[in-house]
């Protein structure tokens, strides 16, 4: 029974069930939105891959003379004078 589990007529039955359940008008819209989603996922994955490679190529910049290591982390209005 499971040896020949996926024959062409099985796919035909599944396609007919989808058409009956979702209707012929909804299927093109669903396929179009699925294609858009996959395209967005692919572009986001590529952006993450490119973003991951960018910091390795970035060279660190030395702080200006007289600046402390944490001067950029504390807002100017929150700093306390010694």
N, C-alpha and C. Protein backbone atom coordinates (compact mmCIF):
# COMPACT_ATOMS: atom_id res chain seq x y z
N UNK A 1 0.82 -1.19 0.00
CA UNK A 1 0.00 0.00 0.00
C UNK A 1 0.86 1.25 0.00
N UNK A 2 1.86 1.33 0.85
CA UNK A 2 2.70 2.53 0.92
C UNK A 2 3.84 2.50 -0.10
N UNK A 3 4.05 1.35 -0.75
CA UNK A 3 5.11 1.28 -1.76
C UNK A 3 4.86 2.25 -2.91
N UNK A 4 3.65 2.29 -3.36
CA UNK A 4 3.27 3.16 -4.48
C UNK A 4 2.39 4.30 -3.96
N UNK A 5 2.87 4.98 -2.94
CA UNK A 5 2.08 5.96 -2.24
C UNK A 5 1.73 7.21 -3.02
N UNK A 6 2.56 7.62 -3.97
CA UNK A 6 2.31 8.88 -4.67
C UNK A 6 2.27 8.65 -6.17
N UNK A 7 1.11 8.22 -6.63
CA UNK A 7 0.91 8.00 -8.06
C UNK A 7 0.21 9.22 -8.66
N UNK A 8 0.26 9.39 -9.98
CA UNK A 8 -0.35 10.56 -10.62
C UNK A 8 -1.83 10.75 -10.29
N UNK A 9 -2.59 9.68 -10.16
CA UNK A 9 -4.01 9.86 -9.86
C UNK A 9 -4.24 10.35 -8.44
N UNK A 10 -3.28 10.08 -7.52
CA UNK A 10 -3.37 10.63 -6.17
C UNK A 10 -3.26 12.16 -6.22
N UNK A 11 -2.33 12.65 -7.01
CA UNK A 11 -2.16 14.10 -7.15
C UNK A 11 -3.40 14.74 -7.77
N UNK A 12 -4.03 14.05 -8.70
CA UNK A 12 -5.25 14.54 -9.32
C UNK A 12 -6.37 14.65 -8.29
N UNK A 13 -6.50 13.65 -7.44
CA UNK A 13 -7.53 13.68 -6.39
C UNK A 13 -7.27 14.83 -5.42
N UNK A 14 -6.01 15.01 -5.03
CA UNK A 14 -5.66 16.11 -4.11
C UNK A 14 -5.98 17.46 -4.76
N UNK A 15 -5.67 17.63 -6.05
CA UNK A 15 -5.97 18.87 -6.76
C UNK A 15 -7.48 19.13 -6.80
N UNK A 16 -8.26 18.10 -7.05
CA UNK A 16 -9.72 18.25 -7.10
C UNK A 16 -10.26 18.65 -5.73
N UNK A 17 -9.72 18.05 -4.67
CA UNK A 17 -10.16 18.39 -3.31
C UNK A 17 -9.84 19.85 -3.01
N UNK A 18 -8.65 20.32 -3.39
CA UNK A 18 -8.30 21.73 -3.16
C UNK A 18 -9.24 22.66 -3.92
N UNK A 19 -9.55 22.33 -5.14
CA UNK A 19 -10.45 23.18 -5.94
C UNK A 19 -11.83 23.22 -5.32
N UNK A 20 -12.32 22.08 -4.84
CA UNK A 20 -13.64 22.03 -4.22
C UNK A 20 -13.65 22.80 -2.90
N UNK A 21 -12.61 22.64 -2.09
CA UNK A 21 -12.57 23.30 -0.78
C UNK A 21 -12.39 24.81 -0.88
N UNK A 22 -11.45 25.24 -1.72
CA UNK A 22 -11.10 26.65 -1.76
C UNK A 22 -11.74 27.42 -2.91
N UNK A 23 -12.28 26.74 -3.87
CA UNK A 23 -12.91 27.40 -5.01
C UNK A 23 -11.88 27.82 -6.04
N UNK A 24 -12.30 27.88 -7.28
CA UNK A 24 -11.38 28.19 -8.36
C UNK A 24 -10.97 29.66 -8.38
N UNK A 25 -11.74 30.55 -7.76
CA UNK A 25 -11.37 31.97 -7.74
C UNK A 25 -10.30 32.27 -6.71
N UNK A 26 -10.27 31.54 -5.63
CA UNK A 26 -9.30 31.79 -4.55
C UNK A 26 -7.92 31.23 -4.85
N UNK A 27 -7.83 30.17 -5.63
CA UNK A 27 -6.55 29.51 -5.87
C UNK A 27 -5.51 30.41 -6.55
N UNK A 28 -5.84 31.17 -7.60
CA UNK A 28 -4.81 32.06 -8.19
C UNK A 28 -4.33 33.13 -7.21
N UNK A 29 -5.25 33.68 -6.43
CA UNK A 29 -4.85 34.68 -5.44
C UNK A 29 -3.95 34.07 -4.37
N UNK A 30 -4.28 32.88 -3.95
CA UNK A 30 -3.46 32.19 -2.95
C UNK A 30 -2.07 31.88 -3.50
N UNK A 31 -2.00 31.41 -4.73
CA UNK A 31 -0.71 31.11 -5.34
C UNK A 31 0.12 32.39 -5.51
N UNK A 32 -0.53 33.49 -5.89
CA UNK A 32 0.17 34.75 -6.06
C UNK A 32 0.73 35.25 -4.73
N UNK A 33 -0.06 35.18 -3.68
CA UNK A 33 0.41 35.64 -2.37
C UNK A 33 1.51 34.73 -1.83
N UNK A 34 1.43 33.45 -2.12
CA UNK A 34 2.50 32.53 -1.72
C UNK A 34 3.80 32.86 -2.46
N UNK A 35 3.70 33.18 -3.74
CA UNK A 35 4.88 33.58 -4.51
C UNK A 35 5.50 34.85 -3.98
N UNK A 36 4.67 35.84 -3.63
CA UNK A 36 5.18 37.09 -3.04
C UNK A 36 5.88 36.82 -1.71
N UNK A 37 5.27 35.98 -0.89
CA UNK A 37 5.86 35.66 0.40
C UNK A 37 7.22 34.98 0.24
N UNK A 38 7.32 34.07 -0.70
CA UNK A 38 8.60 33.39 -0.94
C UNK A 38 9.64 34.37 -1.47
N UNK A 39 9.22 35.30 -2.32
CA UNK A 39 10.14 36.30 -2.85
C UNK A 39 10.66 37.21 -1.74
N UNK A 40 9.77 37.61 -0.83
CA UNK A 40 10.16 38.45 0.30
C UNK A 40 11.11 37.69 1.22
N UNK A 41 10.80 36.43 1.49
CA UNK A 41 11.65 35.60 2.34
C UNK A 41 13.04 35.46 1.73
N UNK A 42 13.10 35.26 0.43
CA UNK A 42 14.38 35.11 -0.24
C UNK A 42 15.19 36.40 -0.17
N UNK A 43 14.55 37.55 -0.38
CA UNK A 43 15.27 38.82 -0.33
C UNK A 43 15.74 39.13 1.08
N UNK A 44 14.92 38.81 2.09
CA UNK A 44 15.32 39.05 3.48
C UNK A 44 16.49 38.14 3.88
N UNK A 45 16.45 36.89 3.43
CA UNK A 45 17.55 35.97 3.73
C UNK A 45 18.84 36.46 3.08
N UNK A 46 18.74 36.96 1.86
CA UNK A 46 19.92 37.49 1.18
C UNK A 46 20.44 38.73 1.89
N UNK A 47 19.54 39.60 2.36
CA UNK A 47 19.94 40.81 3.09
C UNK A 47 20.64 40.44 4.39
N UNK A 48 20.11 39.43 5.10
CA UNK A 48 20.75 39.00 6.35
C UNK A 48 22.14 38.42 6.08
N UNK A 49 22.26 37.69 4.98
CA UNK A 49 23.55 37.10 4.62
C UNK A 49 24.55 38.20 4.28
N UNK A 50 24.11 39.20 3.52
CA UNK A 50 24.97 40.32 3.17
C UNK A 50 25.31 41.16 4.39
N UNK A 51 24.36 41.33 5.29
CA UNK A 51 24.57 42.10 6.51
C UNK A 51 25.55 41.40 7.44
N UNK A 52 25.51 40.09 7.47
CA UNK A 52 26.43 39.32 8.30
C UNK A 52 27.86 39.43 7.81
N UNK A 53 28.06 39.60 6.52
CA UNK A 53 29.41 39.71 5.95
C UNK A 53 29.94 41.13 6.06
N UNK A 54 29.06 42.13 6.14
CA UNK A 54 29.49 43.53 6.15
C UNK A 54 30.29 43.91 7.40
N UNK A 55 29.93 43.55 8.64
CA UNK A 55 30.72 43.96 9.80
C UNK A 55 32.13 43.40 9.80
N UNK A 56 32.35 42.25 9.21
CA UNK A 56 33.68 41.68 9.17
C UNK A 56 34.61 42.53 8.30
N UNK A 57 34.07 43.14 7.26
CA UNK A 57 34.87 43.98 6.38
C UNK A 57 35.03 45.39 6.93
N UNK A 58 34.23 45.76 7.90
CA UNK A 58 34.26 47.10 8.47
C UNK A 58 35.46 47.25 9.40
N UNK A 59 36.21 48.34 9.24
CA UNK A 59 37.36 48.58 10.11
C UNK A 59 36.94 49.49 11.25
N UNK A 60 37.34 49.19 12.48
CA UNK A 60 36.93 50.03 13.60
C UNK A 60 37.60 51.40 13.53
N UNK A 61 36.89 52.40 14.02
CA UNK A 61 37.38 53.77 14.02
C UNK A 61 37.85 54.10 15.43
N UNK A 62 39.04 54.70 15.55
CA UNK A 62 39.57 55.07 16.85
C UNK A 62 38.80 56.26 17.41
N UNK A 63 38.57 56.32 18.74
CA UNK A 63 37.87 57.46 19.32
C UNK A 63 38.69 58.74 19.21
N UNK A 64 38.00 59.85 19.23
CA UNK A 64 38.67 61.15 19.13
C UNK A 64 39.52 61.38 20.38
N UNK A 65 40.50 62.25 20.26
CA UNK A 65 41.40 62.55 21.38
C UNK A 65 40.61 63.16 22.53
N UNK A 66 40.84 62.67 23.74
CA UNK A 66 40.18 63.18 24.92
C UNK A 66 38.82 62.55 25.18
N UNK A 67 38.35 61.66 24.32
CA UNK A 67 37.05 61.02 24.53
C UNK A 67 37.23 59.78 25.39
N UNK A 68 36.28 59.51 26.24
CA UNK A 68 36.33 58.30 27.05
C UNK A 68 35.68 57.16 26.30
N UNK A 69 35.92 55.95 26.76
CA UNK A 69 35.41 54.77 26.06
C UNK A 69 33.89 54.71 26.08
N UNK A 70 33.26 55.20 27.14
CA UNK A 70 31.81 55.12 27.23
C UNK A 70 31.11 56.44 26.92
N UNK A 71 31.82 57.40 26.39
CA UNK A 71 31.23 58.71 26.13
C UNK A 71 30.08 58.63 25.13
N UNK A 72 30.15 57.73 24.18
CA UNK A 72 29.10 57.63 23.19
C UNK A 72 27.89 56.86 23.70
N UNK A 73 28.01 56.14 24.81
CA UNK A 73 26.91 55.32 25.30
C UNK A 73 25.97 56.09 26.22
N UNK A 74 26.44 57.15 26.85
CA UNK A 74 25.63 57.90 27.79
C UNK A 74 25.17 59.19 27.12
N UNK A 75 23.88 59.47 27.13
CA UNK A 75 23.40 60.72 26.52
C UNK A 75 24.01 61.94 27.24
N UNK A 76 24.21 63.01 26.50
CA UNK A 76 24.87 64.20 27.05
C UNK A 76 24.11 64.80 28.22
N UNK A 77 22.79 64.74 28.21
CA UNK A 77 22.03 65.34 29.30
C UNK A 77 22.02 64.47 30.56
N UNK A 78 22.43 63.20 30.46
CA UNK A 78 22.44 62.31 31.61
C UNK A 78 23.81 62.23 32.28
N UNK A 79 24.83 62.83 31.68
CA UNK A 79 26.18 62.76 32.25
C UNK A 79 26.28 63.64 33.50
N UNK A 80 27.07 63.17 34.43
CA UNK A 80 27.29 63.91 35.68
C UNK A 80 28.70 64.45 35.65
N UNK A 81 28.84 65.75 35.95
CA UNK A 81 30.17 66.36 35.97
C UNK A 81 30.88 65.94 37.24
N UNK A 82 32.22 65.70 37.18
CA UNK A 82 32.96 65.32 38.38
C UNK A 82 33.18 66.47 39.34
